[in-house]
Amino acid sequence: MNQVKDIRRVRTEQEKADALFVRRRVFIEEQNVPESLEVDEYDRPEAPTIHFVAYRDGKPVGAGRLRVYDRQTGKVERVAVLDSERGTGLGRELMLAMEQTARDEGFSQLKLNAQCHAQPFYEKLGYKPIGDVFDEAGIDHIAMVKSLRD
């Protein structure tokens, strides 16, 4: 039986390294995104980005980050779940944790650029597509938004 998932706001160097490990596995190794695009200025220690890491049985299995887009809007980025955890509900739990943190930080809405294959996942969480499909790192994406006002 699997242990309860542990989703944390990154506070230590080890947790940050664990989040980057998950992102490397999913984006760089699995999806062939160049490392120079995957790891960017929002990952620097001085950046005000909020990182998240999810563990199962003490091993990192999910990650994401939240940053300021504008005064009212947070931007969800780099949401990644290891292949072995997909379909377990971890991605949903990770998103809900990020949304709660965004509310706590005072954001009234969230924006994200979803890989098109993940659009239905985000729609189930209440995100609405805006604009046209665009290419990012050789992968089709669609911008999506969600109001955090209840």
C-alpha atoms as a PDB file:
ATOM      1  CA  MET A   1       0.000   0.000   0.000  1.00  0.00           C
ATOM      2  CA  ASN A   2       1.302   3.446  -0.908  1.00  0.00           C
ATOM      3  CA  GLN A   3       1.934   5.986   1.793  1.00  0.00           C
ATOM      4  CA  VAL A   4      -0.006   9.219   1.833  1.00  0.00           C
ATOM      5  CA  LYS A   5       1.443  11.763  -0.549  1.00  0.00           C
ATOM      6  CA  ASP A   6       3.434  14.549   1.072  1.00  0.00           C
ATOM      7  CA  ILE A   7       3.222  17.864  -0.803  1.00  0.00           C
ATOM      8  CA  ARG A   8       5.459  20.640   0.501  1.00  0.00           C
ATOM      9  CA  ARG A   9       6.276  24.232  -0.203  1.00  0.00           C
ATOM     10  CA  VAL A  10      10.033  24.075  -0.763  1.00  0.00           C
ATOM     11  CA  ARG A  11      11.961  25.507   2.173  1.00  0.00           C
ATOM     12  CA  THR A  12      15.328  23.686   2.046  1.00  0.00           C
ATOM     13  CA  GLU A  13      18.060  23.203  -0.545  1.00  0.00           C
ATOM     14  CA  GLN A  14      17.330  19.449  -0.544  1.00  0.00           C
ATOM     15  CA  GLU A  15      13.630  20.015  -1.282  1.00  0.00           C
ATOM     16  CA  LYS A  16      14.582  22.360  -4.135  1.00  0.00           C
ATOM     17  CA  ALA A  17      17.003  19.768  -5.502  1.00  0.00           C
ATOM     18  CA  ASP A  18      14.244  17.148  -5.274  1.00  0.00           C
ATOM     19  CA  ALA A  19      11.830  19.389  -7.202  1.00  0.00           C
ATOM     20  CA  LEU A  20      14.450  19.991  -9.893  1.00  0.00           C
ATOM     21  CA  PHE A  21      15.106  16.224 -10.050  1.00  0.00           C
ATOM     22  CA  VAL A  22      11.439  15.591 -10.921  1.00  0.00           C
ATOM     23  CA  ARG A  23      11.410  18.394 -13.482  1.00  0.00           C
ATOM     24  CA  ARG A  24      14.617  17.051 -15.082  1.00  0.00           C
ATOM     25  CA  ARG A  25      13.147  13.548 -15.379  1.00  0.00           C
ATOM     26  CA  VAL A  26       9.863  14.744 -16.908  1.00  0.00           C
ATOM     27  CA  PHE A  27      10.811  17.724 -19.041  1.00  0.00           C
ATOM     28  CA  ILE A  28      14.450  17.190 -20.017  1.00  0.00           C
ATOM     29  CA  GLU A  29      14.728  13.385 -20.155  1.00  0.00           C
ATOM     30  CA  GLU A  30      11.168  12.382 -21.098  1.00  0.00           C
ATOM     31  CA  GLN A  31      10.044  15.347 -23.235  1.00  0.00           C
ATOM     32  CA  ASN A  32      13.465  16.434 -24.567  1.00  0.00           C
ATOM     33  CA  VAL A  33      13.134  20.047 -23.444  1.00  0.00           C
ATOM     34  CA  PRO A  34      16.587  21.686 -23.515  1.00  0.00           C
ATOM     35  CA  GLU A  35      17.946  22.238 -20.005  1.00  0.00           C
ATOM     36  CA  SER A  36      18.650  25.876 -20.914  1.00  0.00           C
ATOM     37  CA  LEU A  37      14.876  26.389 -21.344  1.00  0.00           C
ATOM     38  CA  GLU A  38      13.732  24.213 -18.446  1.00  0.00           C
ATOM     39  CA  VAL A  39      15.881  25.785 -15.723  1.00  0.00           C
ATOM     40  CA  ASP A  40      15.586  29.570 -15.910  1.00  0.00           C
ATOM     41  CA  GLU A  41      15.906  32.808 -13.962  1.00  0.00           C
ATOM     42  CA  TYR A  42      12.860  31.921 -11.828  1.00  0.00           C
ATOM     43  CA  ASP A  43      14.828  28.990 -10.399  1.00  0.00           C
ATOM     44  CA  ARG A  44      17.675  31.160  -9.087  1.00  0.00           C
ATOM     45  CA  PRO A  45      17.947  31.327  -5.285  1.00  0.00           C
ATOM     46  CA  GLU A  46      17.207  35.060  -5.229  1.00  0.00           C
ATOM     47  CA  ALA A  47      14.027  34.732  -7.321  1.00  0.00           C
ATOM     48  CA  PRO A  48      10.785  35.140  -5.334  1.00  0.00           C
ATOM     49  CA  THR A  49       9.380  31.986  -6.940  1.00  0.00           C
ATOM     50  CA  ILE A  50       7.539  29.530  -4.672  1.00  0.00           C
ATOM     51  CA  HIS A  51       8.530  25.950  -5.458  1.00  0.00           C
ATOM     52  CA  PHE A  52       6.628  22.800  -4.518  1.00  0.00           C
ATOM     53  CA  VAL A  53       7.723  19.184  -4.235  1.00  0.00           C
ATOM     54  CA  ALA A  54       5.654  16.061  -3.675  1.00  0.00           C
ATOM     55  CA  TYR A  55       6.969  12.886  -2.087  1.00  0.00           C
ATOM     56  CA  ARG A  56       5.738   9.326  -1.870  1.00  0.00           C
ATOM     57  CA  ASP A  57       7.545   6.991   0.508  1.00  0.00           C
ATOM     58  CA  GLY A  58      10.197   9.673   0.961  1.00  0.00           C
ATOM     59  CA  LYS A  59      11.019   9.887  -2.757  1.00  0.00           C
ATOM     60  CA  PRO A  60      10.347  12.991  -4.891  1.00  0.00           C
ATOM     61  CA  VAL A  61       7.585  12.247  -7.410  1.00  0.00           C
ATOM     62  CA  GLY A  62       6.039  15.637  -8.278  1.00  0.00           C
ATOM     63  CA  ALA A  63       6.949  19.295  -8.562  1.00  0.00           C
ATOM     64  CA  GLY A  64       5.665  22.707  -9.590  1.00  0.00           C
ATOM     65  CA  ARG A  65       6.290  26.380  -9.087  1.00  0.00           C
ATOM     66  CA  LEU A  66       4.260  29.527  -8.557  1.00  0.00           C
ATOM     67  CA  ARG A  67       5.410  33.035  -9.351  1.00  0.00           C
ATOM     68  CA  VAL A  68       4.029  36.537  -9.648  1.00  0.00           C
ATOM     69  CA  TYR A  69       2.614  37.317 -13.091  1.00  0.00           C
ATOM     70  CA  ASP A  70       1.020  40.627 -12.121  1.00  0.00           C
ATOM     71  CA  ARG A  71      -0.443  42.111  -8.928  1.00  0.00           C
ATOM     72  CA  GLN A  72      -3.584  39.960  -9.027  1.00  0.00           C
ATOM     73  CA  THR A  73      -2.290  36.974 -10.965  1.00  0.00           C
ATOM     74  CA  GLY A  74      -0.043  34.088 -10.062  1.00  0.00           C
ATOM     75  CA  LYS A  75       1.521  31.949 -12.756  1.00  0.00           C
ATOM     76  CA  VAL A  76       1.663  28.191 -12.291  1.00  0.00           C
ATOM     77  CA  GLU A  77       4.639  26.666 -14.057  1.00  0.00           C
ATOM     78  CA  ARG A  78       6.702  23.500 -14.372  1.00  0.00           C
ATOM     79  CA  VAL A  79       4.027  21.159 -13.021  1.00  0.00           C
ATOM     80  CA  ALA A  80       5.549  17.699 -13.336  1.00  0.00           C
ATOM     81  CA  VAL A  81       4.593  14.259 -12.063  1.00  0.00           C
ATOM     82  CA  LEU A  82       6.772  11.204 -12.612  1.00  0.00           C
ATOM     83  CA  ASP A  83       5.325   8.647 -15.000  1.00  0.00           C
ATOM     84  CA  SER A  84       4.878   6.113 -12.179  1.00  0.00           C
ATOM     85  CA  GLU A  85       2.542   8.533 -10.344  1.00  0.00           C
ATOM     86  CA  ARG A  86       0.365   9.702 -13.226  1.00  0.00           C
ATOM     87  CA  GLY A  87      -3.283   8.807 -12.807  1.00  0.00           C
ATOM     88  CA  THR A  88      -2.995   8.545  -9.003  1.00  0.00           C
ATOM     89  CA  GLY A  89      -4.488  11.964  -8.233  1.00  0.00           C
ATOM     90  CA  LEU A  90      -1.104  13.419  -7.303  1.00  0.00           C
ATOM     91  CA  GLY A  91      -1.242  16.083 -10.025  1.00  0.00           C
ATOM     92  CA  ARG A  92      -4.646  17.252  -8.799  1.00  0.00           C
ATOM     93  CA  GLU A  93      -3.451  17.361  -5.174  1.00  0.00           C
ATOM     94  CA  LEU A  94      -0.337  19.267  -6.202  1.00  0.00           C
ATOM     95  CA  MET A  95      -2.438  21.814  -8.113  1.00  0.00           C
ATOM     96  CA  LEU A  96      -4.834  22.243  -5.179  1.00  0.00           C
ATOM     97  CA  ALA A  97      -1.898  22.901  -2.852  1.00  0.00           C
ATOM     98  CA  MET A  98      -0.496  25.468  -5.282  1.00  0.00           C
ATOM     99  CA  GLU A  99      -3.918  27.129  -5.613  1.00  0.00           C
ATOM    100  CA  GLN A 100      -4.276  27.396  -1.825  1.00  0.00           C
ATOM    101  CA  THR A 101      -0.830  28.960  -1.561  1.00  0.00           C
ATOM    102  CA  ALA A 102      -1.777  31.416  -4.336  1.00  0.00           C
ATOM    103  CA  ARG A 103      -4.887  32.424  -2.350  1.00  0.00           C
ATOM    104  CA  ASP A 104      -2.774  32.798   0.799  1.00  0.00           C
ATOM    105  CA  GLU A 105      -0.380  35.023  -1.179  1.00  0.00           C
ATOM    106  CA  GLY A 106      -3.285  37.280  -2.197  1.00  0.00           C
ATOM    107  CA  PHE A 107      -3.698  36.302  -5.845  1.00  0.00           C
ATOM    108  CA  SER A 108      -7.236  36.501  -7.256  1.00  0.00           C
ATOM    109  CA  GLN A 109      -6.483  34.419 -10.343  1.00  0.00           C
ATOM    110  CA  LEU A 110      -4.005  31.971 -11.760  1.00  0.00           C
ATOM    111  CA  LYS A 111      -2.600  31.659 -15.260  1.00  0.00           C
ATOM    112  CA  LEU A 112      -0.725  28.753 -16.773  1.00  0.00           C
ATOM    113  CA  ASN A 113       0.494  27.540 -20.138  1.00  0.00           C
ATOM    114  CA  ALA A 114      -0.726  23.953 -20.434  1.00  0.00           C
ATOM    115  CA  GLN A 115       0.731  21.389 -22.756  1.00  0.00           C
ATOM    116  CA  CYS A 116      -2.219  20.682 -25.054  1.00  0.00           C
ATOM    117  CA  HIS A 117      -2.414  17.017 -24.039  1.00  0.00           C
ATOM    118  CA  ALA A 118      -2.915  18.196 -20.415  1.00  0.00           C
ATOM    119  CA  GLN A 119      -5.668  20.715 -21.236  1.00  0.00           C
ATOM    120  CA  PRO A 120      -8.498  18.361 -20.109  1.00  0.00           C
ATOM    121  CA  PHE A 121      -6.722  17.840 -16.752  1.00  0.00           C
ATOM    122  CA  TYR A 122      -6.645  21.583 -16.111  1.00  0.00           C
ATOM    123  CA  GLU A 123     -10.201  22.091 -17.384  1.00  0.00           C
ATOM    124  CA  LYS A 124     -11.418  19.606 -14.738  1.00  0.00           C
ATOM    125  CA  LEU A 125      -9.769  21.881 -12.159  1.00  0.00           C
ATOM    126  CA  GLY A 126     -11.679  24.905 -13.487  1.00  0.00           C
ATOM    127  CA  TYR A 127      -9.126  26.455 -15.843  1.00  0.00           C
ATOM    128  CA  LYS A 128     -10.418  28.025 -19.058  1.00  0.00           C
ATOM    129  CA  PRO A 129      -8.380  28.219 -22.277  1.00  0.00           C
ATOM    130  CA  ILE A 130      -7.610  31.660 -23.696  1.00  0.00           C
ATOM    131  CA  GLY A 131      -6.031  32.535 -27.016  1.00  0.00           C
ATOM    132  CA  ASP A 132      -4.548  30.238 -29.603  1.00  0.00           C
ATOM    133  CA  VAL A 133      -2.274  27.214 -29.387  1.00  0.00           C
ATOM    134  CA  PHE A 134       1.407  28.170 -29.426  1.00  0.00           C
ATOM    135  CA  ASP A 135       4.744  26.378 -29.478  1.00  0.00           C
ATOM    136  CA  GLU A 136       6.934  26.400 -26.401  1.00  0.00           C
ATOM    137  CA  ALA A 137      10.096  24.252 -26.402  1.00  0.00           C
ATOM    138  CA  GLY A 138       8.768  22.312 -29.399  1.00  0.00           C
ATOM    139  CA  ILE A 139       5.532  21.353 -27.577  1.00  0.00           C
ATOM    140  CA  ASP A 140       2.052  22.746 -28.332  1.00  0.00           C
ATOM    141  CA  HIS A 141       0.640  24.762 -25.423  1.00  0.00           C
ATOM    142  CA  ILE A 142      -2.533  26.693 -24.634  1.00  0.00           C
ATOM    143  CA  ALA A 143      -2.786  29.534 -22.108  1.00  0.00           C
ATOM    144  CA  MET A 144      -5.405  28.959 -19.409  1.00  0.00           C
ATOM    145  CA  VAL A 145      -6.779  31.000 -16.502  1.00  0.00           C
ATOM    146  CA  LYS A 146      -8.785  30.356 -13.348  1.00  0.00           C
ATOM    147  CA  SER A 147     -10.396  32.770 -10.923  1.00  0.00           C
ATOM    148  CA  LEU A 148      -9.582  32.071  -7.287  1.00  0.00           C
ATOM    149  CA  ARG A 149     -12.550  34.081  -6.049  1.00  0.00           C
ATOM    150  CA  ASP A 150     -15.195  31.754  -4.682  1.00  0.00           C
END
